[in-house]
Amino acid sequence: MTSKEVRIAIVTGASRGLGLATARALAERGWGLIVDARSVDELSEAADQIGHDVVAVAGDVTDPEHRERLIRPAVDARRLDLLVNNASMLGPSPQPSLDTYPLDVIRQVYETNVVAPLALIQRTLALLRQSRGIVVNVSSDAAREPYAGWGGYGSSKAALDQMTNILAVEEPDLSVYRFDPGDMNTRMHQEAFPDEDISDRPPPESSVPALMRLIENRPGSGAFGVNDVLADA
């Protein structure tokens, strides 16, 4: 990171979709970025798009060694202002019903969508407390609505939501948000509906202004969707 005065953010799953759009928007606002994704090539291309003050660390958020490498630049800079837990795992495509859901896969979904975000929060909490920083856990309406076939992903996001709620109570000096970006035209959304044309969904960039407003205005901790934030503008 280039300066002690630069605000620093970690954004996971930043090679595409909402993660990349969020990282680009933060970089445009002068933030220093630490980003990750599983694909080395995709992350390298994304880093070129994000800008000059970015550290890209390829790896899987479920891997403890990768998480240590990911947080190291913030630890070395002795600063972290924002953690965006965006990396997610959908599960099988198409989405199976619970009676046939592979148990080994649902464990992976929970490791990615629940355990890894908590692990990153635990490892960065000292820095976030120091900066009175922000945690954004990316949610989904599948956490609240009982969509058939979404038992794995949806229940993992419901667990993440409740974990976010409790973190907000336990850490009142932080701003802790669960943010639902809504339907987006992303690779993950296409995988969820492999036989459908999702070209009518908005691009992930359309959700970013609401997320940036949330980060900049810092209302009380809680649950926010795109329309919630924009309605209060």
Foldseek 3Di string as FASTA:
>chain_A
DPDLPAAEEEFEPCLDFLNLLQLLVVVVVRHQYQYEEADPVSQVVSVVNNDDRYHYQYDALLDPVSLCVRCVVCVVSLAHAEYELDDFDQFAFQQAAPVPRDPVRLVVRLSNQPVSVVVSCVVCVVRCLVNLHEYEREAECLLPDVDGRRVRNNVSRVNNQVVQVVVCVVRVSHAGEHEYAYDAPDPSVCSNVVPDDPVPGHGSNVSNVLVVQCRVVVDHHDYDYSCRSVVVD
